[in-house]
Amino acid sequence: MHFPGLIPLLIVLALAFLLFSRPGRISGLMEDLGKGIRGFRKGLADPQDTPPQDPPRQVPDQSNGDRAQQ
């Protein structure tokens, strides 16, 4: 007998087991998600106080011209 929905069902059950196997795991994940969202919003709300820096100077090409002929 072949059950076409068996593999996805096993994957979902394995993920559910990993999430619900230890108490406090989901609350920890939600806390981390909330911190990330707050940090993202704070980053969007804060104006850029630092002036833009000058771009780094370019280093002249020091490659050997003989190497290109090989």
N, C-alpha and C. Protein backbone atom coordinates (compact mmCIF):
# COMPACT_ATOMS: atom_id res chain seq x y z
N MET A 1 0.83 -1.19 0.00
CA MET A 1 0.00 0.00 0.00
C MET A 1 0.87 1.25 0.00
N HIS A 2 0.44 2.21 -0.77
CA HIS A 2 1.20 3.46 -0.87
C HIS A 2 0.32 4.61 -0.38
N PHE A 3 0.84 5.36 0.60
CA PHE A 3 0.11 6.51 1.15
C PHE A 3 0.80 7.78 0.68
N PRO A 4 0.21 8.52 -0.27
CA PRO A 4 0.89 9.69 -0.83
C PRO A 4 1.07 10.83 0.18
N GLY A 5 0.26 10.90 1.20
CA GLY A 5 0.37 11.99 2.15
C GLY A 5 1.15 11.62 3.39
N LEU A 6 1.79 10.46 3.39
CA LEU A 6 2.48 10.00 4.58
C LEU A 6 3.76 10.78 4.86
N ILE A 7 4.55 11.06 3.85
CA ILE A 7 5.82 11.77 4.05
C ILE A 7 5.58 13.18 4.59
N PRO A 8 4.71 14.00 3.98
CA PRO A 8 4.48 15.34 4.55
C PRO A 8 3.91 15.28 5.97
N LEU A 9 3.07 14.28 6.24
CA LEU A 9 2.50 14.13 7.58
C LEU A 9 3.60 13.83 8.59
N LEU A 10 4.54 12.96 8.22
CA LEU A 10 5.65 12.65 9.12
C LEU A 10 6.54 13.87 9.36
N ILE A 11 6.74 14.68 8.35
CA ILE A 11 7.54 15.90 8.51
C ILE A 11 6.86 16.87 9.46
N VAL A 12 5.56 17.06 9.30
CA VAL A 12 4.81 17.96 10.18
C VAL A 12 4.83 17.44 11.61
N LEU A 13 4.66 16.13 11.78
CA LEU A 13 4.69 15.56 13.13
C LEU A 13 6.07 15.71 13.77
N ALA A 14 7.12 15.55 13.00
CA ALA A 14 8.48 15.71 13.53
C ALA A 14 8.72 17.16 13.96
N LEU A 15 8.27 18.11 13.14
CA LEU A 15 8.43 19.53 13.51
C LEU A 15 7.61 19.87 14.75
N ALA A 16 6.40 19.35 14.84
CA ALA A 16 5.56 19.60 16.01
C ALA A 16 6.22 19.01 17.26
N PHE A 17 6.80 17.83 17.12
CA PHE A 17 7.48 17.21 18.27
C PHE A 17 8.66 18.06 18.71
N LEU A 18 9.42 18.58 17.76
CA LEU A 18 10.56 19.42 18.12
C LEU A 18 10.13 20.71 18.82
N LEU A 19 9.02 21.28 18.37
CA LEU A 19 8.55 22.53 18.97
C LEU A 19 7.93 22.33 20.34
N PHE A 20 7.17 21.25 20.50
CA PHE A 20 6.41 21.06 21.74
C PHE A 20 7.08 20.11 22.73
N SER A 21 8.26 19.59 22.41
CA SER A 21 8.87 18.58 23.29
C SER A 21 9.40 19.19 24.58
N ARG A 22 9.89 20.42 24.56
CA ARG A 22 10.41 21.04 25.78
C ARG A 22 9.53 22.21 26.17
N PRO A 23 9.17 22.30 27.45
CA PRO A 23 8.35 23.44 27.87
C PRO A 23 9.16 24.73 27.80
N GLY A 24 8.48 25.78 27.40
CA GLY A 24 9.12 27.09 27.33
C GLY A 24 9.82 27.36 26.01
N ARG A 25 9.85 26.39 25.14
CA ARG A 25 10.56 26.58 23.87
C ARG A 25 9.84 27.58 22.98
N ILE A 26 8.52 27.46 22.88
CA ILE A 26 7.76 28.38 22.03
C ILE A 26 7.77 29.79 22.61
N SER A 27 7.66 29.90 23.93
CA SER A 27 7.69 31.25 24.52
C SER A 27 9.04 31.90 24.30
N GLY A 28 10.11 31.12 24.33
CA GLY A 28 11.43 31.68 24.04
C GLY A 28 11.55 32.15 22.60
N LEU A 29 10.99 31.36 21.68
CA LEU A 29 11.01 31.76 20.28
C LEU A 29 10.20 33.04 20.05
N MET A 30 9.05 33.13 20.70
CA MET A 30 8.22 34.32 20.54
C MET A 30 8.90 35.55 21.15
N GLU A 31 9.60 35.35 22.26
CA GLU A 31 10.31 36.46 22.89
C GLU A 31 11.42 36.97 21.96
N ASP A 32 12.16 36.06 21.36
CA ASP A 32 13.21 36.45 20.43
C ASP A 32 12.63 37.15 19.20
N LEU A 33 11.49 36.67 18.72
CA LEU A 33 10.84 37.31 17.58
C LEU A 33 10.40 38.72 17.93
N GLY A 34 9.84 38.91 19.13
CA GLY A 34 9.42 40.24 19.57
C GLY A 34 10.59 41.19 19.69
N LYS A 35 11.72 40.71 20.21
CA LYS A 35 12.92 41.56 20.31
C LYS A 35 13.41 41.98 18.93
N GLY A 36 13.35 41.04 17.99
CA GLY A 36 13.78 41.36 16.63
C GLY A 36 12.89 42.40 15.98
N ILE A 37 11.59 42.27 16.18
CA ILE A 37 10.65 43.24 15.60
C ILE A 37 10.84 44.61 16.23
N ARG A 38 11.02 44.64 17.57
CA ARG A 38 11.25 45.94 18.23
C ARG A 38 12.53 46.59 17.74
N GLY A 39 13.59 45.81 17.58
CA GLY A 39 14.85 46.35 17.07
C GLY A 39 14.71 46.87 15.66
N PHE A 40 13.95 46.16 14.83
CA PHE A 40 13.73 46.59 13.46
C PHE A 40 12.97 47.91 13.42
N ARG A 41 11.91 48.01 14.23
CA ARG A 41 11.12 49.25 14.26
C ARG A 41 11.96 50.41 14.79
N LYS A 42 12.79 50.14 15.80
CA LYS A 42 13.64 51.20 16.35
C LYS A 42 14.64 51.67 15.29
N GLY A 43 15.17 50.74 14.53
CA GLY A 43 16.10 51.10 13.47
C GLY A 43 15.44 51.93 12.38
N LEU A 44 14.17 51.67 12.10
CA LEU A 44 13.47 52.46 11.10
C LEU A 44 13.11 53.85 11.62
N ALA A 45 12.82 53.94 12.94
CA ALA A 45 12.37 55.21 13.51
C ALA A 45 13.51 56.17 13.79
N ASP A 46 14.69 55.65 14.15
CA ASP A 46 15.81 56.52 14.51
C ASP A 46 16.41 57.16 13.27
N PRO A 47 16.55 58.50 13.28
CA PRO A 47 17.22 59.13 12.15
C PRO A 47 18.71 58.83 12.19
N GLN A 48 19.34 58.93 11.08
CA GLN A 48 20.78 58.69 11.01
C GLN A 48 21.50 59.89 11.59
N ASP A 49 22.11 59.72 12.76
CA ASP A 49 22.82 60.81 13.41
C ASP A 49 24.25 60.95 12.90
N THR A 50 24.80 59.89 12.37
CA THR A 50 26.18 59.94 11.90
C THR A 50 26.22 60.44 10.47
N PRO A 51 27.12 61.38 10.18
CA PRO A 51 27.23 61.86 8.80
C PRO A 51 27.83 60.76 7.93
N PRO A 52 27.51 60.78 6.65
CA PRO A 52 28.08 59.75 5.78
C PRO A 52 29.59 59.89 5.71
N GLN A 53 30.27 58.76 5.72
CA GLN A 53 31.73 58.78 5.69
C GLN A 53 32.21 58.82 4.25
N ASP A 54 33.46 59.32 4.09
CA ASP A 54 34.06 59.32 2.76
C ASP A 54 34.30 57.87 2.33
N PRO A 55 34.14 57.60 1.06
CA PRO A 55 34.41 56.24 0.61
C PRO A 55 35.90 55.92 0.75
N PRO A 56 36.24 54.66 0.92
CA PRO A 56 37.65 54.31 1.06
C PRO A 56 38.42 54.62 -0.22
N ARG A 57 39.68 54.98 -0.04
CA ARG A 57 40.51 55.28 -1.21
C ARG A 57 40.78 54.01 -1.99
N GLN A 58 40.89 54.15 -3.29
CA GLN A 58 41.18 53.00 -4.12
C GLN A 58 42.68 52.78 -4.20
N VAL A 59 43.08 51.55 -4.16
CA VAL A 59 44.49 51.20 -4.26
C VAL A 59 44.81 51.01 -5.73
N PRO A 60 45.92 51.60 -6.21
CA PRO A 60 46.24 51.42 -7.64
C PRO A 60 46.56 49.96 -7.94
N ASP A 61 46.29 49.58 -9.16
CA ASP A 61 46.54 48.20 -9.60
C ASP A 61 48.03 47.94 -9.59
N GLN A 62 48.44 46.92 -8.85
CA GLN A 62 49.86 46.58 -8.75
C GLN A 62 50.15 45.23 -9.37
N SER A 63 49.27 44.78 -10.23
CA SER A 63 49.49 43.48 -10.86
C SER A 63 50.62 43.59 -11.85
N ASN A 64 51.30 42.49 -12.06
CA ASN A 64 52.42 42.42 -12.96
C ASN A 64 51.91 42.19 -14.38
N GLY A 65 52.33 42.98 -15.33
CA GLY A 65 51.88 42.87 -16.70
C GLY A 65 52.31 41.57 -17.34
N ASP A 66 53.42 40.98 -16.86
CA ASP A 66 53.91 39.70 -17.41
C ASP A 66 52.96 38.56 -17.10
N ARG A 67 52.26 38.65 -15.99
CA ARG A 67 51.36 37.58 -15.56
C ARG A 67 50.18 37.44 -16.55
N ALA A 68 49.77 38.53 -17.16
CA ALA A 68 48.64 38.49 -18.08
C ALA A 68 49.01 37.75 -19.38
N GLN A 69 50.29 37.68 -19.71
CA GLN A 69 50.70 37.04 -20.95
C GLN A 69 50.82 35.54 -20.80
N GLN A 70 50.81 35.00 -19.62
CA GLN A 70 51.00 33.55 -19.43
C GLN A 70 49.79 32.78 -19.81
